[in-house]
Amino acid sequence: MLDAAHPAPAAPAAEPAAPALLEVNNIEVIYNHVILVLKGVSLTVPKGGITALLGGNGAGKTTTLKAVSNLLHSERGEVTKGSILYRGEDIAALNPAALVRKGVIQVMEGRHCFEHLTVEENLLTGAYTRTDGSAAIKRDLDMVYAYFPRLKERRRSQAGYTSGGEQQMVAMGRALMSRPETILLDEPSMGLAPQLVEQIFEIVKAVNEGEGVTFLLAEQNTNVALRYAHHGYILESGRVVMDGPAAALRENPDVKEFYLGMSDEGRKSFRDVRSYRRRKRWLA
């Protein structure tokens, strides 16, 4: 029996939520002054987390990343409504180079490398904007090689003659050499064998936990992304149609059926999945 001498134990305090590092507030993006691509997209990326942008080809994932990194103007695109805040500051007027100096860097889709440079020369280009001296850059190069031992083996090889997986590692390692706070990672699994996809995401997890780097990644491979992300946003036709903790999204029956072709009755046929996609029951 509880009395004044033996009070009930206090409930454990709720763990405080991580502060928002990046906030995208109801943005619209238009290309060529006429093509509306994003239609009121909002999302929050907490500091130190891995946040996944999920959806099929053309859903608006890459456009969202480029809106954050201010790379839209090179493709005749612009944010026409809404705001993008980084550490509470509106970054709409900052150019991509200024954002890199603030700690925000994008790894583009397609594993872009300087093909005529060696792997190590590619990595060192990521430190171009740094002013903390050669000793610090050398330490970070060793850090990159610790996360990507394959790159150390191939450091003298011309990047254009390395494999797709190695080029993806080069692109990610080059981003790390800028000492980023946040990496915008676009389609890291594209064109890679399944075992390499797992390896890339394991490295993302290790960098997130070991270096405290925040990730916002766009990915079509929903199954893999939700196993490594902390939170997910699902985009369709330029809108966020669902979001939540990654663990909850993995178990959501609509997400499983829509993206994985699975239901409570087991795997569905391709024809059933196509029919389900037409019904779009989960958007109701």
Protein backbone atom coordinates (compact mmCIF):
# COMPACT_ATOMS: atom_id res chain seq x y z
CA MET A 1 0.00 0.00 0.00
CA LEU A 2 1.27 3.47 -0.84
CA ASP A 3 1.23 6.20 1.79
CA ALA A 4 2.98 9.44 2.57
CA ALA A 5 6.02 7.55 3.83
CA HIS A 6 6.16 5.38 0.73
CA PRO A 7 5.18 7.53 -2.26
CA ALA A 8 4.72 6.08 -5.72
CA PRO A 9 7.91 6.08 -7.79
CA ALA A 10 8.17 8.97 -10.18
CA ALA A 11 7.66 8.18 -13.85
CA PRO A 12 10.90 8.25 -15.85
CA ALA A 13 11.49 11.53 -17.61
CA ALA A 14 10.95 11.48 -21.35
CA GLU A 15 14.16 11.63 -23.35
CA PRO A 16 14.41 15.09 -24.94
CA ALA A 17 14.06 15.21 -28.70
CA ALA A 18 17.15 16.11 -30.71
CA PRO A 19 17.13 19.77 -31.79
CA ALA A 20 16.18 20.52 -35.37
CA LEU A 21 19.22 21.24 -37.51
CA LEU A 22 17.44 21.64 -40.84
CA GLU A 23 13.84 22.74 -41.33
CA VAL A 24 12.07 22.76 -44.69
CA ASN A 25 8.80 24.64 -44.37
CA ASN A 26 6.07 24.25 -47.00
CA ILE A 27 8.29 24.85 -50.02
CA GLU A 28 7.23 24.91 -53.64
CA VAL A 29 9.74 24.50 -56.47
CA ILE A 30 9.14 25.50 -60.07
CA TYR A 31 11.35 24.71 -63.07
CA ASN A 32 11.46 26.94 -66.15
CA HIS A 33 8.84 29.22 -64.54
CA VAL A 34 6.03 26.77 -65.36
CA ILE A 35 6.69 23.22 -64.09
CA LEU A 36 5.59 22.78 -60.47
CA VAL A 37 7.69 19.96 -58.98
CA LEU A 38 7.40 20.33 -55.20
CA LYS A 39 4.01 21.22 -53.76
CA GLY A 40 4.24 22.27 -50.14
CA VAL A 41 7.00 19.96 -48.87
CA SER A 42 7.84 20.22 -45.16
CA LEU A 43 10.33 18.17 -43.19
CA THR A 44 12.63 18.39 -40.19
CA VAL A 45 16.09 16.90 -39.88
CA PRO A 46 17.30 16.57 -36.26
CA LYS A 47 20.94 17.04 -35.41
CA GLY A 48 22.89 13.78 -35.39
CA GLY A 49 20.19 11.73 -37.12
CA ILE A 50 19.75 9.86 -40.39
CA THR A 51 16.62 11.03 -42.17
CA ALA A 52 15.43 9.27 -45.33
CA LEU A 53 13.50 10.76 -48.24
CA LEU A 54 11.70 7.87 -49.91
CA GLY A 55 9.66 7.55 -53.07
CA GLY A 56 9.77 6.41 -56.65
CA ASN A 57 11.55 8.01 -59.56
CA GLY A 58 10.18 11.52 -60.13
CA ALA A 59 8.68 11.86 -56.64
CA GLY A 60 10.72 14.99 -55.89
CA LYS A 61 13.51 13.60 -53.71
CA THR A 62 16.46 15.02 -55.66
CA THR A 63 14.70 18.35 -56.12
CA THR A 64 14.22 18.58 -52.35
CA LEU A 65 17.94 18.02 -51.76
CA LYS A 66 18.90 20.56 -54.41
CA ALA A 67 16.49 23.09 -52.89
CA VAL A 68 18.36 22.73 -49.59
CA SER A 69 21.83 22.93 -51.19
CA ASN A 70 20.80 25.79 -53.51
CA LEU A 71 21.75 23.91 -56.67
CA LEU A 72 18.41 24.51 -58.39
CA HIS A 73 19.44 27.64 -60.29
CA SER A 74 21.86 25.70 -62.47
CA GLU A 75 18.83 23.74 -63.74
CA ARG A 76 16.51 26.76 -64.09
CA GLY A 77 14.65 25.88 -60.93
CA GLU A 78 13.75 28.03 -57.94
CA VAL A 79 11.99 27.88 -54.60
CA THR A 80 8.93 30.10 -55.05
CA LYS A 81 7.21 29.61 -51.69
CA GLY A 82 8.13 28.53 -48.19
CA SER A 83 11.44 28.69 -46.35
CA ILE A 84 14.50 26.56 -45.60
CA LEU A 85 16.22 27.12 -42.26
CA TYR A 86 19.56 25.76 -41.15
CA ARG A 87 20.30 26.28 -37.47
CA GLY A 88 17.39 28.69 -37.50
CA GLU A 89 18.86 30.84 -40.30
CA ASP A 90 17.14 31.29 -43.64
CA ILE A 91 19.66 29.99 -46.19
CA ALA A 92 17.77 30.90 -49.37
CA ALA A 93 20.22 33.66 -50.29
CA LEU A 94 23.38 31.58 -49.72
CA ASN A 95 25.22 30.09 -52.66
CA PRO A 96 26.38 26.43 -52.56
CA ALA A 97 29.96 27.41 -51.65
CA ALA A 98 28.73 29.39 -48.63
CA LEU A 99 26.65 26.41 -47.55
CA VAL A 100 29.70 24.15 -47.71
CA ARG A 101 31.49 26.57 -45.39
CA LYS A 102 28.50 26.31 -43.05
CA GLY A 103 28.90 22.53 -43.04
CA VAL A 104 26.24 21.45 -45.57
CA ILE A 105 27.41 19.44 -48.57
CA GLN A 106 25.56 17.37 -51.16
CA VAL A 107 26.79 14.09 -52.64
CA MET A 108 25.18 14.08 -56.04
CA GLU A 109 23.37 11.19 -57.66
CA GLY A 110 25.54 9.32 -60.14
CA ARG A 111 28.85 9.11 -58.24
CA HIS A 112 30.44 12.18 -59.80
CA CYS A 113 34.24 12.01 -59.67
CA PHE A 114 37.10 13.76 -61.41
CA GLU A 115 37.89 10.80 -63.62
CA HIS A 116 41.36 11.96 -64.66
CA LEU A 117 42.51 12.41 -61.03
CA THR A 118 43.60 9.64 -58.69
CA VAL A 119 41.37 8.49 -55.85
CA GLU A 120 43.47 10.39 -53.33
CA GLU A 121 43.52 13.55 -55.42
CA ASN A 122 39.72 13.36 -55.62
CA LEU A 123 39.51 13.08 -51.85
CA LEU A 124 41.80 16.06 -51.33
CA THR A 125 39.61 18.28 -53.52
CA GLY A 126 37.02 17.99 -50.75
CA ALA A 127 39.35 19.89 -48.42
CA TYR A 128 39.80 22.78 -50.85
CA THR A 129 37.83 25.28 -48.73
CA ARG A 130 39.52 24.36 -45.44
CA THR A 131 41.94 26.69 -43.69
CA ASP A 132 42.99 24.53 -40.72
CA GLY A 133 46.28 23.36 -42.16
CA SER A 134 47.82 20.32 -43.81
CA ALA A 135 48.18 18.33 -40.58
CA ALA A 136 44.42 18.44 -39.94
CA ILE A 137 43.72 17.50 -43.56
CA LYS A 138 46.11 14.56 -43.29
CA ARG A 139 44.33 13.36 -40.14
CA ASP A 140 41.00 13.50 -41.93
CA LEU A 141 42.41 11.69 -44.94
CA ASP A 142 43.47 8.90 -42.58
CA MET A 143 39.97 9.00 -41.08
CA VAL A 144 38.40 8.59 -44.53
CA TYR A 145 40.69 5.66 -45.28
CA ALA A 146 39.66 4.08 -41.97
CA TYR A 147 36.00 4.19 -43.06
CA PHE A 148 36.81 3.24 -46.67
CA PRO A 149 39.80 0.85 -46.56
CA ARG A 150 39.19 -0.05 -50.19
CA LEU A 151 40.02 3.54 -51.16
CA LYS A 152 43.36 3.32 -49.40
CA GLU A 153 44.19 0.28 -51.52
CA ARG A 154 43.19 2.17 -54.69
CA ARG A 155 44.47 5.62 -53.69
CA ARG A 156 46.96 5.81 -56.60
CA SER A 157 44.44 4.55 -59.17
CA GLN A 158 42.78 6.89 -61.63
CA ALA A 159 39.21 7.40 -60.40
CA GLY A 160 37.71 6.86 -63.84
CA TYR A 161 38.98 3.27 -63.83
CA THR A 162 37.52 2.30 -60.45
CA SER A 163 34.26 0.40 -59.98
CA GLY A 164 30.86 1.98 -59.37
CA GLY A 165 30.98 1.09 -55.70
CA GLU A 166 34.47 2.57 -55.34
CA GLN A 167 33.37 5.76 -57.08
CA GLN A 168 30.45 6.07 -54.65
CA MET A 169 32.95 5.71 -51.81
CA VAL A 170 35.15 8.39 -53.38
CA ALA A 171 32.19 10.78 -53.60
CA MET A 172 31.26 10.17 -49.96
CA GLY A 173 34.87 10.35 -48.79
CA ARG A 174 35.39 13.62 -50.65
CA ALA A 175 32.37 15.05 -48.84
CA LEU A 176 33.81 13.96 -45.49
CA MET A 177 37.06 15.76 -46.28
CA SER A 178 35.18 19.08 -46.09
CA ARG A 179 34.45 18.33 -42.40
CA PRO A 180 30.66 18.62 -42.90
CA GLU A 181 28.03 18.84 -40.23
CA THR A 182 25.33 17.64 -42.63
CA ILE A 183 25.56 15.49 -45.77
CA LEU A 184 22.77 15.43 -48.35
CA LEU A 185 23.20 12.01 -49.95
CA ASP A 186 21.34 11.39 -53.21
CA GLU A 187 20.53 7.79 -54.24
CA PRO A 188 23.63 6.09 -52.79
CA SER A 189 22.42 2.62 -53.85
CA MET A 190 21.80 3.42 -57.51
CA GLY A 191 23.41 0.88 -59.83
CA LEU A 192 25.18 -1.04 -57.07
CA ALA A 193 25.03 -4.75 -56.28
CA PRO A 194 23.05 -5.62 -53.12
CA GLN A 195 26.14 -6.47 -51.06
CA LEU A 196 27.69 -3.11 -51.97
CA VAL A 197 24.48 -1.31 -51.02
CA GLU A 198 24.66 -2.88 -47.56
CA GLN A 199 28.30 -1.87 -47.29
CA ILE A 200 27.58 1.76 -48.24
CA PHE A 201 24.77 2.03 -45.69
CA GLU A 202 26.92 0.43 -43.01
CA ILE A 203 29.48 3.16 -43.66
CA VAL A 204 26.76 5.83 -43.45
CA LYS A 205 25.76 4.43 -40.07
CA ALA A 206 29.37 4.30 -38.88
CA VAL A 207 30.07 7.89 -39.95
CA ASN A 208 26.83 9.06 -38.32
CA GLU A 209 27.68 7.37 -35.04
CA GLY A 210 31.45 7.90 -35.08
CA GLU A 211 31.69 11.45 -36.41
CA GLY A 212 28.26 12.81 -35.48
CA VAL A 213 27.48 13.72 -39.10
CA THR A 214 23.80 14.34 -39.82
CA PHE A 215 22.43 12.71 -42.98
CA LEU A 216 19.47 13.56 -45.18
CA LEU A 217 19.43 10.86 -47.84
CA ALA A 218 17.19 10.35 -50.85
CA GLU A 219 16.69 6.70 -51.69
CA GLN A 220 14.41 4.50 -53.79
CA ASN A 221 15.46 1.34 -51.94
CA THR A 222 12.90 1.71 -49.16
CA ASN A 223 13.71 -1.57 -47.49
CA VAL A 224 17.39 -0.78 -46.92
CA ALA A 225 16.90 2.91 -46.15
CA LEU A 226 14.36 2.26 -43.39
CA ARG A 227 16.70 -0.23 -41.72
CA TYR A 228 19.37 2.42 -41.27
CA ALA A 229 17.41 5.68 -40.98
CA HIS A 230 15.92 7.05 -37.79
CA HIS A 231 13.03 8.87 -39.48
CA GLY A 232 11.50 8.70 -42.94
CA TYR A 233 9.44 10.90 -45.25
CA ILE A 234 7.63 9.38 -48.23
CA LEU A 235 7.16 11.64 -51.24
CA GLU A 236 4.82 11.15 -54.15
CA SER A 237 4.27 13.62 -56.99
CA GLY A 238 6.04 16.39 -55.11
CA ARG A 239 4.17 16.00 -51.82
CA VAL A 240 4.96 14.39 -48.48
CA VAL A 241 2.28 11.74 -48.12
CA MET A 242 3.53 9.98 -44.98
CA ASP A 243 6.26 10.32 -42.39
CA GLY A 244 7.26 8.82 -39.08
CA PRO A 245 9.95 6.90 -37.22
CA ALA A 246 11.67 4.45 -39.55
CA ALA A 247 10.74 1.46 -37.38
CA ALA A 248 7.06 2.39 -37.57
CA LEU A 249 7.18 2.93 -41.33
CA ARG A 250 8.81 -0.48 -41.80
CA GLU A 251 5.82 -2.11 -40.15
CA ASN A 252 3.16 0.06 -41.78
CA PRO A 253 1.01 -2.28 -43.92
CA ASP A 254 0.47 0.33 -46.63
CA VAL A 255 4.18 1.06 -46.94
CA LYS A 256 4.97 -2.64 -47.07
CA GLU A 257 2.36 -3.29 -49.74
CA PHE A 258 2.99 -0.16 -51.80
CA TYR A 259 6.79 -0.32 -51.86
CA LEU A 260 7.74 -3.89 -51.07
CA GLY A 261 4.93 -5.86 -52.70
CA MET A 262 4.20 -7.52 -49.36
CA SER A 263 0.97 -7.91 -47.43
CA ASP A 264 -0.28 -9.88 -44.45
CA GLU A 265 -0.95 -12.72 -46.90
CA GLY A 266 2.65 -12.70 -48.15
CA ARG A 267 4.31 -11.44 -51.31
CA LYS A 268 1.94 -10.12 -53.95
CA SER A 269 2.20 -10.58 -57.70
CA PHE A 270 3.38 -7.73 -59.91
CA ARG A 271 -0.17 -7.38 -61.29
CA ASP A 272 -1.61 -7.02 -57.78
CA VAL A 273 0.96 -4.39 -56.85
CA ARG A 274 0.19 -2.37 -59.97
CA SER A 275 -3.51 -2.50 -59.11
CA TYR A 276 -2.74 -1.40 -55.57
CA ARG A 277 -0.63 1.51 -56.82
CA ARG A 278 -3.59 2.66 -58.92
CA ARG A 279 -5.95 2.57 -55.94
CA LYS A 280 -3.59 4.66 -53.77
CA ARG A 281 -5.58 3.66 -50.71
CA TRP A 282 -2.83 4.89 -48.43
CA LEU A 283 -3.24 8.50 -49.62
CA ALA A 284 -6.88 8.66 -48.56
